Amino acid sequence: MRKLYLEGTKTMIMEDNKEVQLDYYLVEDYKDRGRDISLYGIKIVKHLEDCLETEYTDPISYSKDIVKEMVHKLWDNGVTLVSMLEIVDDLVSDYI
């Protein structure tokens, strides 16, 4: 089972003056190994005119707070789908 928590939205104007909206989500996954275990990841949804694009990570951590902090860093810096996975990889390395 998967739950999505919208943590923030950012609207930006592209070079061609089109408006793009990015939604930043904390993703909660449940793994059943005799009991429910929560794992957390990140998802970004891009809204551009009539198109939706998404990018998401596999579960990153058991810590909701750590992943939520990562989501907020992505949101604050306007990270897009193109660079999300690379930046998340760098953020995960910072926590190890």
PDB file of N, CA and C in Angstrom:
ATOM      1  N   MET A   1       0.838  -1.180   0.000  1.00  0.00           N
ATOM      2  CA  MET A   1       0.000   0.000   0.000  1.00  0.00           C
ATOM      3  C   MET A   1       0.885   1.247   0.000  1.00  0.00           C
ATOM      4  N   ARG A   2       0.450   2.283  -0.653  1.00  0.00           N
ATOM      5  CA  ARG A   2       1.227   3.510  -0.779  1.00  0.00           C
ATOM      6  C   ARG A   2       0.349   4.711  -0.429  1.00  0.00           C
ATOM      7  N   LYS A   3       0.908   5.635   0.362  1.00  0.00           N
ATOM      8  CA  LYS A   3       0.229   6.887   0.690  1.00  0.00           C
ATOM      9  C   LYS A   3       1.091   8.039   0.205  1.00  0.00           C
ATOM     10  N   LEU A   4       0.436   9.085  -0.277  1.00  0.00           N
ATOM     11  CA  LEU A   4       1.130  10.289  -0.722  1.00  0.00           C
ATOM     12  C   LEU A   4       0.749  11.453   0.179  1.00  0.00           C
ATOM     13  N   TYR A   5       1.746  12.229   0.581  1.00  0.00           N
ATOM     14  CA  TYR A   5       1.527  13.424   1.388  1.00  0.00           C
ATOM     15  C   TYR A   5       2.102  14.612   0.628  1.00  0.00           C
ATOM     16  N   LEU A   6       1.244  15.525   0.188  1.00  0.00           N
ATOM     17  CA  LEU A   6       1.711  16.709  -0.522  1.00  0.00           C
ATOM     18  C   LEU A   6       2.421  17.624   0.464  1.00  0.00           C
ATOM     19  N   GLU A   7       3.704  17.868   0.222  1.00  0.00           N
ATOM     20  CA  GLU A   7       4.505  18.707   1.111  1.00  0.00           C
ATOM     21  C   GLU A   7       4.636  20.131   0.591  1.00  0.00           C
ATOM     22  N   GLY A   8       4.513  20.318  -0.724  1.00  0.00           N
ATOM     23  CA  GLY A   8       4.631  21.668  -1.264  1.00  0.00           C
ATOM     24  C   GLY A   8       4.409  21.708  -2.758  1.00  0.00           C
ATOM     25  N   THR A   9       4.127  22.898  -3.235  1.00  0.00           N
ATOM     26  CA  THR A   9       3.900  23.150  -4.654  1.00  0.00           C
ATOM     27  C   THR A   9       4.689  24.385  -5.057  1.00  0.00           C
ATOM     28  N   LYS A  10       5.286  24.337  -6.222  1.00  0.00           N
ATOM     29  CA  LYS A  10       6.033  25.482  -6.741  1.00  0.00           C
ATOM     30  C   LYS A  10       5.609  25.706  -8.182  1.00  0.00           C
ATOM     31  N   THR A  11       5.323  26.962  -8.506  1.00  0.00           N
ATOM     32  CA  THR A  11       4.975  27.340  -9.872  1.00  0.00           C
ATOM     33  C   THR A  11       6.121  28.159 -10.446  1.00  0.00           C
ATOM     34  N   MET A  12       6.530  27.803 -11.660  1.00  0.00           N
ATOM     35  CA  MET A  12       7.633  28.502 -12.320  1.00  0.00           C
ATOM     36  C   MET A  12       7.239  28.841 -13.751  1.00  0.00           C
ATOM     37  N   ILE A  13       7.867  29.873 -14.279  1.00  0.00           N
ATOM     38  CA  ILE A  13       7.673  30.259 -15.671  1.00  0.00           C
ATOM     39  C   ILE A  13       8.882  29.773 -16.466  1.00  0.00           C
ATOM     40  N   MET A  14       8.614  29.028 -17.524  1.00  0.00           N
ATOM     41  CA  MET A  14       9.691  28.489 -18.353  1.00  0.00           C
ATOM     42  C   MET A  14      10.158  29.541 -19.358  1.00  0.00           C
ATOM     43  N   GLU A  15      11.239  29.235 -20.069  1.00  0.00           N
ATOM     44  CA  GLU A  15      11.811  30.165 -21.047  1.00  0.00           C
ATOM     45  C   GLU A  15      10.813  30.571 -22.131  1.00  0.00           C
ATOM     46  N   ASP A  16       9.903  29.674 -22.486  1.00  0.00           N
ATOM     47  CA  ASP A  16       8.909  29.979 -23.520  1.00  0.00           C
ATOM     48  C   ASP A  16       7.640  30.602 -22.932  1.00  0.00           C
ATOM     49  N   ASN A  17       7.741  31.100 -21.692  1.00  0.00           N
ATOM     50  CA  ASN A  17       6.650  31.756 -20.960  1.00  0.00           C
ATOM     51  C   ASN A  17       5.499  30.826 -20.603  1.00  0.00           C
ATOM     52  N   LYS A  18       5.708  29.530 -20.678  1.00  0.00           N
ATOM     53  CA  LYS A  18       4.696  28.583 -20.214  1.00  0.00           C
ATOM     54  C   LYS A  18       4.864  28.382 -18.714  1.00  0.00           C
ATOM     55  N   GLU A  19       3.737  28.204 -18.060  1.00  0.00           N
ATOM     56  CA  GLU A  19       3.742  28.002 -16.610  1.00  0.00           C
ATOM     57  C   GLU A  19       3.792  26.512 -16.297  1.00  0.00           C
ATOM     58  N   VAL A  20       4.692  26.140 -15.410  1.00  0.00           N
ATOM     59  CA  VAL A  20       4.803  24.750 -14.979  1.00  0.00           C
ATOM     60  C   VAL A  20       4.611  24.709 -13.464  1.00  0.00           C
ATOM     61  N   GLN A  21       3.862  23.728 -13.011  1.00  0.00           N
ATOM     62  CA  GLN A  21       3.647  23.538 -11.574  1.00  0.00           C
ATOM     63  C   GLN A  21       4.290  22.227 -11.162  1.00  0.00           C
ATOM     64  N   LEU A  22       5.053  22.266 -10.079  1.00  0.00           N
ATOM     65  CA  LEU A  22       5.686  21.073  -9.529  1.00  0.00           C
ATOM     66  C   LEU A  22       5.098  20.792  -8.152  1.00  0.00           C
ATOM     67  N   ASP A  23       4.639  19.567  -7.938  1.00  0.00           N
ATOM     68  CA  ASP A  23       4.121  19.125  -6.641  1.00  0.00           C
ATOM     69  C   ASP A  23       5.128  18.164  -6.034  1.00  0.00           C
ATOM     70  N   TYR A  24       5.472  18.390  -4.770  1.00  0.00           N
ATOM     71  CA  TYR A  24       6.479  17.593  -4.074  1.00  0.00           C
ATOM     72  C   TYR A  24       5.791  16.750  -3.002  1.00  0.00           C
ATOM     73  N   TYR A  25       5.951  15.434  -3.098  1.00  0.00           N
ATOM     74  CA  TYR A  25       5.268  14.497  -2.206  1.00  0.00           C
ATOM     75  C   TYR A  25       6.241  13.667  -1.378  1.00  0.00           C
ATOM     76  N   LEU A  26       5.848  13.419  -0.146  1.00  0.00           N
ATOM     77  CA  LEU A  26       6.454  12.386   0.686  1.00  0.00           C
ATOM     78  C   LEU A  26       5.639  11.127   0.414  1.00  0.00           C
ATOM     79  N   VAL A  27       6.308  10.040   0.069  1.00  0.00           N
ATOM     80  CA  VAL A  27       5.635   8.778  -0.251  1.00  0.00           C
ATOM     81  C   VAL A  27       5.873   7.800   0.892  1.00  0.00           C
ATOM     82  N   GLU A  28       4.790   7.228   1.410  1.00  0.00           N
ATOM     83  CA  GLU A  28       4.895   6.218   2.466  1.00  0.00           C
ATOM     84  C   GLU A  28       4.500   4.870   1.883  1.00  0.00           C
ATOM     85  N   ASP A  29       5.428   3.942   1.900  1.00  0.00           N
ATOM     86  CA  ASP A  29       5.188   2.569   1.446  1.00  0.00           C
ATOM     87  C   ASP A  29       5.132   1.661   2.664  1.00  0.00           C
ATOM     88  N   TYR A  30       4.325   0.627   2.567  1.00  0.00           N
ATOM     89  CA  TYR A  30       4.248  -0.358   3.645  1.00  0.00           C
ATOM     90  C   TYR A  30       4.760  -1.689   3.133  1.00  0.00           C
ATOM     91  N   LYS A  31       5.665  -2.272   3.867  1.00  0.00           N
ATOM     92  CA  LYS A  31       6.150  -3.614   3.567  1.00  0.00           C
ATOM     93  C   LYS A  31       5.652  -4.529   4.675  1.00  0.00           C
ATOM     94  N   ASP A  32       5.084  -5.654   4.303  1.00  0.00           N
ATOM     95  CA  ASP A  32       4.534  -6.580   5.296  1.00  0.00           C
ATOM     96  C   ASP A  32       5.489  -7.747   5.488  1.00  0.00           C
ATOM     97  N   ARG A  33       6.141  -7.759   6.611  1.00  0.00           N
ATOM     98  CA  ARG A  33       7.021  -8.873   6.981  1.00  0.00           C
ATOM     99  C   ARG A  33       6.585  -9.375   8.358  1.00  0.00           C
ATOM    100  N   GLY A  34       5.340  -9.777   8.425  1.00  0.00           N
ATOM    101  CA  GLY A  34       4.793 -10.195   9.704  1.00  0.00           C
ATOM    102  C   GLY A  34       4.170  -9.029  10.455  1.00  0.00           C
ATOM    103  N   ARG A  35       4.618  -7.822  10.107  1.00  0.00           N
ATOM    104  CA  ARG A  35       4.029  -6.600  10.661  1.00  0.00           C
ATOM    105  C   ARG A  35       4.261  -5.491   9.636  1.00  0.00           C
ATOM    106  N   ASP A  36       3.465  -4.458   9.689  1.00  0.00           N
ATOM    107  CA  ASP A  36       3.636  -3.353   8.745  1.00  0.00           C
ATOM    108  C   ASP A  36       4.872  -2.541   9.095  1.00  0.00           C
ATOM    109  N   ILE A  37       5.716  -2.318   8.107  1.00  0.00           N
ATOM    110  CA  ILE A  37       6.912  -1.504   8.265  1.00  0.00           C
ATOM    111  C   ILE A  37       6.803  -0.363   7.261  1.00  0.00           C
ATOM    112  N   SER A  38       6.913   0.865   7.733  1.00  0.00           N
ATOM    113  CA  SER A  38       6.834   2.021   6.846  1.00  0.00           C
ATOM    114  C   SER A  38       8.205   2.378   6.301  1.00  0.00           C
ATOM    115  N   LEU A  39       8.250   2.604   5.002  1.00  0.00           N
ATOM    116  CA  LEU A  39       9.437   3.094   4.307  1.00  0.00           C
ATOM    117  C   LEU A  39       9.020   4.350   3.547  1.00  0.00           C
ATOM    118  N   TYR A  40       9.945   5.292   3.406  1.00  0.00           N
ATOM    119  CA  TYR A  40       9.584   6.579   2.822  1.00  0.00           C
ATOM    120  C   TYR A  40      10.432   6.908   1.602  1.00  0.00           C
ATOM    121  N   GLY A  41       9.790   7.525   0.629  1.00  0.00           N
ATOM    122  CA  GLY A  41      10.452   7.965  -0.587  1.00  0.00           C
ATOM    123  C   GLY A  41       9.912   9.323  -1.006  1.00  0.00           C
ATOM    124  N   ILE A  42      10.247   9.731  -2.229  1.00  0.00           N
ATOM    125  CA  ILE A  42       9.899  11.058  -2.732  1.00  0.00           C
ATOM    126  C   ILE A  42       9.298  10.927  -4.130  1.00  0.00           C
ATOM    127  N   LYS A  43       8.327  11.799  -4.407  1.00  0.00           N
ATOM    128  CA  LYS A  43       7.720  11.854  -5.736  1.00  0.00           C
ATOM    129  C   LYS A  43       7.527  13.318  -6.112  1.00  0.00           C
ATOM    130  N   ILE A  44       7.837  13.648  -7.366  1.00  0.00           N
ATOM    131  CA  ILE A  44       7.550  14.975  -7.903  1.00  0.00           C
ATOM    132  C   ILE A  44       6.623  14.794  -9.099  1.00  0.00           C
ATOM    133  N   VAL A  45       5.572  15.613  -9.139  1.00  0.00           N
ATOM    134  CA  VAL A  45       4.638  15.610 -10.268  1.00  0.00           C
ATOM    135  C   VAL A  45       4.739  16.965 -10.959  1.00  0.00           C
ATOM    136  N   LYS A  46       4.927  16.925 -12.271  1.00  0.00           N
ATOM    137  CA  LYS A  46       5.034  18.139 -13.080  1.00  0.00           C
ATOM    138  C   LYS A  46       3.748  18.313 -13.881  1.00  0.00           C
ATOM    139  N   HIS A  47       3.116  19.489 -13.744  1.00  0.00           N
ATOM    140  CA  HIS A  47       1.913  19.838 -14.498  1.00  0.00           C
ATOM    141  C   HIS A  47       2.304  20.886 -15.535  1.00  0.00           C
ATOM    142  N   LEU A  48       2.153  20.563 -16.797  1.00  0.00           N
ATOM    143  CA  LEU A  48       2.438  21.509 -17.875  1.00  0.00           C
ATOM    144  C   LEU A  48       1.322  21.391 -18.896  1.00  0.00           C
ATOM    145  N   GLU A  49       0.505  22.420 -18.955  1.00  0.00           N
ATOM    146  CA  GLU A  49      -0.666  22.431 -19.819  1.00  0.00           C
ATOM    147  C   GLU A  49      -1.501  21.181 -19.543  1.00  0.00           C
ATOM    148  N   ASP A  50      -1.717  20.328 -20.535  1.00  0.00           N
ATOM    149  CA  ASP A  50      -2.548  19.135 -20.348  1.00  0.00           C
ATOM    150  C   ASP A  50      -1.739  17.883 -20.029  1.00  0.00           C
ATOM    151  N   CYS A  51      -0.453  18.047 -19.751  1.00  0.00           N
ATOM    152  CA  CYS A  51       0.417  16.891 -19.525  1.00  0.00           C
ATOM    153  C   CYS A  51       0.832  16.781 -18.062  1.00  0.00           C
ATOM    154  N   LEU A  52       0.906  15.551 -17.611  1.00  0.00           N
ATOM    155  CA  LEU A  52       1.446  15.249 -16.283  1.00  0.00           C
ATOM    156  C   LEU A  52       2.656  14.351 -16.465  1.00  0.00           C
ATOM    157  N   GLU A  53       3.731  14.678 -15.756  1.00  0.00           N
ATOM    158  CA  GLU A  53       4.911  13.815 -15.726  1.00  0.00           C
ATOM    159  C   GLU A  53       5.241  13.573 -14.265  1.00  0.00           C
ATOM    160  N   THR A  54       5.742  12.393 -13.964  1.00  0.00           N
ATOM    161  CA  THR A  54       6.127  12.088 -12.589  1.00  0.00           C
ATOM    162  C   THR A  54       7.506  11.450 -12.548  1.00  0.00           C
ATOM    163  N   GLU A  55       8.147  11.645 -11.424  1.00  0.00           N
ATOM    164  CA  GLU A  55       9.403  10.967 -11.127  1.00  0.00           C
ATOM    165  C   GLU A  55       9.349  10.631  -9.647  1.00  0.00           C
ATOM    166  N   TYR A  56       9.776   9.434  -9.302  1.00  0.00           N
ATOM    167  CA  TYR A  56       9.771   9.058  -7.896  1.00  0.00           C
ATOM    168  C   TYR A  56      10.950   8.156  -7.593  1.00  0.00           C
ATOM    169  N   THR A  57      11.286   8.135  -6.314  1.00  0.00           N
ATOM    170  CA  THR A  57      12.390   7.302  -5.855  1.00  0.00           C
ATOM    171  C   THR A  57      11.847   5.998  -5.305  1.00  0.00           C
ATOM    172  N   ASP A  58      12.699   5.019  -5.239  1.00  0.00           N
ATOM    173  CA  ASP A  58      12.394   3.851  -4.426  1.00  0.00           C
ATOM    174  C   ASP A  58      12.412   4.319  -2.977  1.00  0.00           C
ATOM    175  N   PRO A  59      11.900   3.523  -2.051  1.00  0.00           N
ATOM    176  CA  PRO A  59      11.986   3.931  -0.646  1.00  0.00           C
ATOM    177  C   PRO A  59      13.435   4.235  -0.258  1.00  0.00           C
ATOM    178  N   ILE A  60      13.604   5.336   0.474  1.00  0.00           N
ATOM    179  CA  ILE A  60      14.930   5.825   0.849  1.00  0.00           C
ATOM    180  C   ILE A  60      15.290   5.447   2.275  1.00  0.00           C
ATOM    181  N   SER A  61      14.311   5.559   3.189  1.00  0.00           N
ATOM    182  CA  SER A  61      14.622   5.428   4.612  1.00  0.00           C
ATOM    183  C   SER A  61      13.387   5.003   5.396  1.00  0.00           C
ATOM    184  N   TYR A  62      13.649   4.471   6.580  1.00  0.00           N
ATOM    185  CA  TYR A  62      12.575   4.196   7.540  1.00  0.00           C
ATOM    186  C   TYR A  62      12.191   5.465   8.287  1.00  0.00           C
ATOM    187  N   SER A  63      13.021   6.505   8.199  1.00  0.00           N
ATOM    188  CA  SER A  63      12.798   7.747   8.936  1.00  0.00           C
ATOM    189  C   SER A  63      11.958   8.727   8.118  1.00  0.00           C
ATOM    190  N   LYS A  64      10.745   8.935   8.569  1.00  0.00           N
ATOM    191  CA  LYS A  64       9.857   9.893   7.910  1.00  0.00           C
ATOM    192  C   LYS A  64      10.448  11.298   7.968  1.00  0.00           C
ATOM    193  N   ASP A  65      11.035  11.662   9.100  1.00  0.00           N
ATOM    194  CA  ASP A  65      11.574  13.011   9.278  1.00  0.00           C
ATOM    195  C   ASP A  65      12.720  13.305   8.315  1.00  0.00           C
ATOM    196  N   ILE A  66      13.615  12.344   8.121  1.00  0.00           N
ATOM    197  CA  ILE A  66      14.751  12.551   7.213  1.00  0.00           C
ATOM    198  C   ILE A  66      14.265  12.745   5.781  1.00  0.00           C
ATOM    199  N   VAL A  67      13.357  11.901   5.332  1.00  0.00           N
ATOM    200  CA  VAL A  67      12.877  11.998   3.952  1.00  0.00           C
ATOM    201  C   VAL A  67      12.036  13.262   3.773  1.00  0.00           C
ATOM    202  N   LYS A  68      11.262  13.617   4.785  1.00  0.00           N
ATOM    203  CA  LYS A  68      10.476  14.852   4.721  1.00  0.00           C
ATOM    204  C   LYS A  68      11.402  16.062   4.588  1.00  0.00           C
ATOM    205  N   GLU A  69      12.506  16.050   5.301  1.00  0.00           N
ATOM    206  CA  GLU A  69      13.495  17.129   5.200  1.00  0.00           C
ATOM    207  C   GLU A  69      14.067  17.192   3.780  1.00  0.00           C
ATOM    208  N   MET A  70      14.322  16.034   3.182  1.00  0.00           N
ATOM    209  CA  MET A  70      14.818  15.995   1.801  1.00  0.00           C
ATOM    210  C   MET A  70      13.790  16.583   0.832  1.00  0.00           C
ATOM    211  N   VAL A  71      12.524  16.223   1.015  1.00  0.00           N
ATOM    212  CA  VAL A  71      11.458  16.749   0.153  1.00  0.00           C
ATOM    213  C   VAL A  71      11.438  18.274   0.230  1.00  0.00           C
ATOM    214  N   HIS A  72      11.570  18.799   1.440  1.00  0.00           N
ATOM    215  CA  HIS A  72      11.533  20.253   1.613  1.00  0.00           C
ATOM    216  C   HIS A  72      12.749  20.929   0.979  1.00  0.00           C
ATOM    217  N   LYS A  73      13.899  20.276   0.990  1.00  0.00           N
ATOM    218  CA  LYS A  73      15.077  20.831   0.308  1.00  0.00           C
ATOM    219  C   LYS A  73      14.834  20.885  -1.202  1.00  0.00           C
ATOM    220  N   LEU A  74      14.247  19.832  -1.746  1.00  0.00           N
ATOM    221  CA  LEU A  74      13.935  19.816  -3.176  1.00  0.00           C
ATOM    222  C   LEU A  74      12.943  20.926  -3.518  1.00  0.00           C
ATOM    223  N   TRP A  75      11.915  21.050  -2.706  1.00  0.00           N
ATOM    224  CA  TRP A  75      10.866  22.055  -2.911  1.00  0.00           C
ATOM    225  C   TRP A  75      11.443  23.465  -2.813  1.00  0.00           C
ATOM    226  N   ASP A  76      12.199  23.730  -1.764  1.00  0.00           N
ATOM    227  CA  ASP A  76      12.779  25.062  -1.556  1.00  0.00           C
ATOM    228  C   ASP A  76      13.668  25.489  -2.720  1.00  0.00           C
ATOM    229  N   ASN A  77      14.343  24.531  -3.334  1.00  0.00           N
ATOM    230  CA  ASN A  77      15.284  24.832  -4.411  1.00  0.00           C
ATOM    231  C   ASN A  77      14.701  24.633  -5.808  1.00  0.00           C
ATOM    232  N   GLY A  78      13.424  24.305  -5.890  1.00  0.00           N
ATOM    233  CA  GLY A  78      12.767  24.159  -7.191  1.00  0.00           C
ATOM    234  C   GLY A  78      13.361  23.067  -8.061  1.00  0.00           C
ATOM    235  N   VAL A  79      13.757  21.967  -7.428  1.00  0.00           N
ATOM    236  CA  VAL A  79      14.346  20.845  -8.169  1.00  0.00           C
ATOM    237  C   VAL A  79      13.290  20.246  -9.101  1.00  0.00           C
ATOM    238  N   THR A  80      13.698  19.981 -10.328  1.00  0.00           N
ATOM    239  CA  THR A  80      12.784  19.440 -11.341  1.00  0.00           C
ATOM    240  C   THR A  80      12.981  17.933 -11.503  1.00  0.00           C
ATOM    241  N   LEU A  81      12.136  17.346 -12.327  1.00  0.00           N
ATOM    242  CA  LEU A  81      12.192  15.902 -12.572  1.00  0.00           C
ATOM    243  C   LEU A  81      13.534  15.470 -13.149  1.00  0.00           C
ATOM    244  N   VAL A  82      14.113  16.304 -13.992  1.00  0.00           N
ATOM    245  CA  VAL A  82      15.346  15.952 -14.700  1.00  0.00           C
ATOM    246  C   VAL A  82      16.490  15.663 -13.736  1.00  0.00           C
ATOM    247  N   SER A  83      16.603  16.467 -12.689  1.00  0.00           N
ATOM    248  CA  SER A  83      17.748  16.329 -11.778  1.00  0.00           C
ATOM    249  C   SER A  83      17.401  15.686 -10.442  1.00  0.00           C
ATOM    250  N   MET A  84      16.140  15.353 -10.230  1.00  0.00           N
ATOM    251  CA  MET A  84      15.697  14.864  -8.926  1.00  0.00           C
ATOM    252  C   MET A  84      16.485  13.659  -8.419  1.00  0.00           C
ATOM    253  N   LEU A  85      16.595  12.613  -9.212  1.00  0.00           N
ATOM    254  CA  LEU A  85      17.223  11.377  -8.724  1.00  0.00           C
ATOM    255  C   LEU A  85      18.689  11.587  -8.369  1.00  0.00           C
ATOM    256  N   GLU A  86      19.389  12.366  -9.170  1.00  0.00           N
ATOM    257  CA  GLU A  86      20.800  12.643  -8.887  1.00  0.00           C
ATOM    258  C   GLU A  86      20.951  13.443  -7.593  1.00  0.00           C
ATOM    259  N   ILE A  87      20.091  14.426  -7.401  1.00  0.00           N
ATOM    260  CA  ILE A  87      20.164  15.248  -6.190  1.00  0.00           C
ATOM    261  C   ILE A  87      19.770  14.433  -4.964  1.00  0.00           C
ATOM    262  N   VAL A  88      18.750  13.596  -5.081  1.00  0.00           N
ATOM    263  CA  VAL A  88      18.362  12.738  -3.958  1.00  0.00           C
ATOM    264  C   VAL A  88      19.513  11.804  -3.596  1.00  0.00           C
ATOM    265  N   ASP A  89      20.198  11.276  -4.591  1.00  0.00           N
ATOM    266  CA  ASP A  89      21.361  10.424  -4.335  1.00  0.00           C
ATOM    267  C   ASP A  89      22.413  11.182  -3.523  1.00  0.00           C
ATOM    268  N   ASP A  90      22.667  12.435  -3.885  1.00  0.00           N
ATOM    269  CA  ASP A  90      23.613  13.261  -3.122  1.00  0.00           C
ATOM    270  C   ASP A  90      23.124  13.495  -1.698  1.00  0.00           C
ATOM    271  N   LEU A  91      21.828  13.763  -1.536  1.00  0.00           N
ATOM    272  CA  LEU A  91      21.275  13.996  -0.199  1.00  0.00           C
ATOM    273  C   LEU A  91      21.381  12.748   0.669  1.00  0.00           C
ATOM    274  N   VAL A  92      21.098  11.589   0.086  1.00  0.00           N
ATOM    275  CA  VAL A  92      21.207  10.331   0.835  1.00  0.00           C
ATOM    276  C   VAL A  92      22.645  10.122   1.284  1.00  0.00           C
ATOM    277  N   SER A  93      23.602  10.421   0.405  1.00  0.00           N
ATOM    278  CA  SER A  93      25.022  10.286   0.758  1.00  0.00           C
ATOM    279  C   SER A  93      25.390  11.185   1.932  1.00  0.00           C
ATOM    280  N   ASP A  94      24.772  12.363   2.014  1.00  0.00           N
ATOM    281  CA  ASP A  94      25.038  13.281   3.124  1.00  0.00           C
ATOM    282  C   ASP A  94      24.572  12.718   4.462  1.00  0.00           C
ATOM    283  N   TYR A  95      23.543  11.866   4.451  1.00  0.00           N
ATOM    284  CA  TYR A  95      22.990  11.316   5.695  1.00  0.00           C
ATOM    285  C   TYR A  95      23.683  10.035   6.144  1.00  0.00           C
ATOM    286  N   ILE A  96      24.515   9.465   5.278  1.00  0.00           N
ATOM    287  CA  ILE A  96      25.184   8.199   5.632  1.00  0.00           C
ATOM    288  C   ILE A  96      26.416   8.468   6.450  1.00  0.00           C
TER     289      ILE A  96
END
